Protein backbone atom coordinates (compact mmCIF):
# COMPACT_ATOMS: atom_id res chain seq x y z
CA MET A 1 30.04 126.70 129.17
CA ALA A 2 31.32 122.96 129.50
CA THR A 3 28.77 120.54 128.75
CA PRO A 4 27.88 118.21 131.97
CA LEU A 5 27.71 114.49 131.31
CA ASP A 6 24.25 114.47 132.33
CA PRO A 7 22.70 112.38 129.97
CA LEU A 8 24.85 109.19 130.68
CA SER A 9 23.84 106.65 133.76
CA ARG A 10 25.73 107.45 136.84
CA ARG A 11 27.41 104.84 136.88
CA VAL A 12 29.53 105.70 133.66
CA ARG A 13 29.52 109.47 134.72
CA VAL A 14 31.10 108.09 138.79
CA LEU A 15 33.30 105.94 137.14
CA LEU A 16 34.92 109.03 134.26
CA SER A 17 34.59 111.47 137.30
CA SER A 18 36.78 109.00 139.56
CA HIS A 19 39.37 110.00 136.35
CA GLY A 20 38.91 113.72 136.60
CA ILE A 21 36.75 113.24 132.72
CA THR A 22 33.87 115.88 133.85
CA THR A 23 32.60 117.50 130.81
CA ALA A 24 31.46 116.00 127.08
CA GLU A 25 34.51 118.05 125.74
CA GLN A 26 37.13 116.57 127.85
CA LEU A 27 35.54 113.06 126.78
CA ALA A 28 35.07 114.16 123.07
CA VAL A 29 39.17 113.92 123.08
CA ILE A 30 39.55 110.72 124.24
CA HIS A 31 40.38 107.94 121.86
CA PRO A 32 37.91 104.95 122.66
CA LEU A 33 40.83 102.66 123.41
CA ILE A 34 42.03 104.45 126.47
CA LEU A 35 38.24 104.59 127.71
CA LEU A 36 38.47 100.87 127.08
CA GLY A 37 41.66 101.14 129.37
CA ILE A 38 39.26 101.92 132.44
CA ARG A 39 38.65 99.14 134.83
CA GLY A 40 34.69 98.56 134.73
CA PHE A 41 34.62 100.57 131.45
CA GLY A 42 33.25 97.89 128.69
CA TYR A 43 31.57 98.50 125.26
CA LYS A 44 27.96 98.77 126.96
CA SER A 45 29.56 101.97 128.66
CA LEU A 46 31.58 102.84 125.28
CA ARG A 47 28.17 103.14 123.23
CA GLU A 48 26.97 105.07 126.08
CA VAL A 49 29.35 107.46 125.69
CA GLU A 50 29.46 107.56 121.76
CA ALA A 51 25.89 108.26 121.27
CA LEU A 52 26.26 111.64 123.85
CA VAL A 53 29.59 113.20 122.28
CA ARG A 54 29.81 111.16 118.51
CA PRO A 55 26.43 110.48 117.78
CA GLY A 56 26.49 107.96 114.59
CA THR A 57 29.56 106.40 115.12
CA ARG A 58 30.40 103.43 116.15
CA TYR A 59 33.97 102.01 117.47
CA ASP A 60 35.06 98.48 117.39
CA ARG A 61 37.85 96.63 118.29
CA PRO A 62 41.41 96.25 116.13
CA GLU A 63 40.76 92.74 114.45
CA GLY A 64 42.54 90.34 116.86
CA HIS A 65 43.09 91.93 119.43
CA TRP A 66 41.19 92.61 122.94
CA PRO A 67 42.24 95.89 125.84
CA CYS A 68 43.75 93.44 127.95
CA ARG A 69 45.54 95.54 130.12
CA CYS A 70 49.09 94.28 129.08
CA GLU A 71 51.82 96.46 128.63
CA CYS A 72 51.54 96.66 124.67
CA ALA A 73 51.21 100.01 123.38
CA ILE A 74 47.60 99.56 122.39
CA CYS A 75 46.45 98.53 125.86
CA ARG A 76 48.06 101.31 127.31
CA GLY A 77 46.95 103.91 124.11
CA THR A 78 50.04 104.91 123.56
CA ALA A 79 49.94 103.46 119.84
CA PRO A 80 49.61 105.52 117.01
CA PRO A 81 46.76 105.75 114.81
CA VAL A 82 46.26 102.98 112.59
CA ILE A 83 46.61 104.80 108.85
CA ASP A 84 45.46 102.21 106.27
CA ALA A 85 48.76 100.88 104.58
CA GLN A 86 49.91 98.02 102.27
CA LEU A 87 52.32 95.71 103.56
CA THR A 88 54.94 94.93 100.43
CA VAL A 89 56.81 92.02 100.03
CA ASP A 90 59.69 91.94 97.29
């Protein structure tokens, strides 16, 4: 059975449902950057979502980047996940 979004504030529920997200299971698989790309969805809304679907975790913006609705892959939510790697210069 799908878990409803009842613990979230009305504003966040309406915002998510307008984008077709109606259950906590759907919400759990969406990357935080994609959520932050929704107009009107900010870090306060993200903290509510994290408390519901990822208790004890906290997403912070990538260093030096602010979700800005530009055309970069990060803002579009299509960037591949960042894996810790070291850049070596010969």
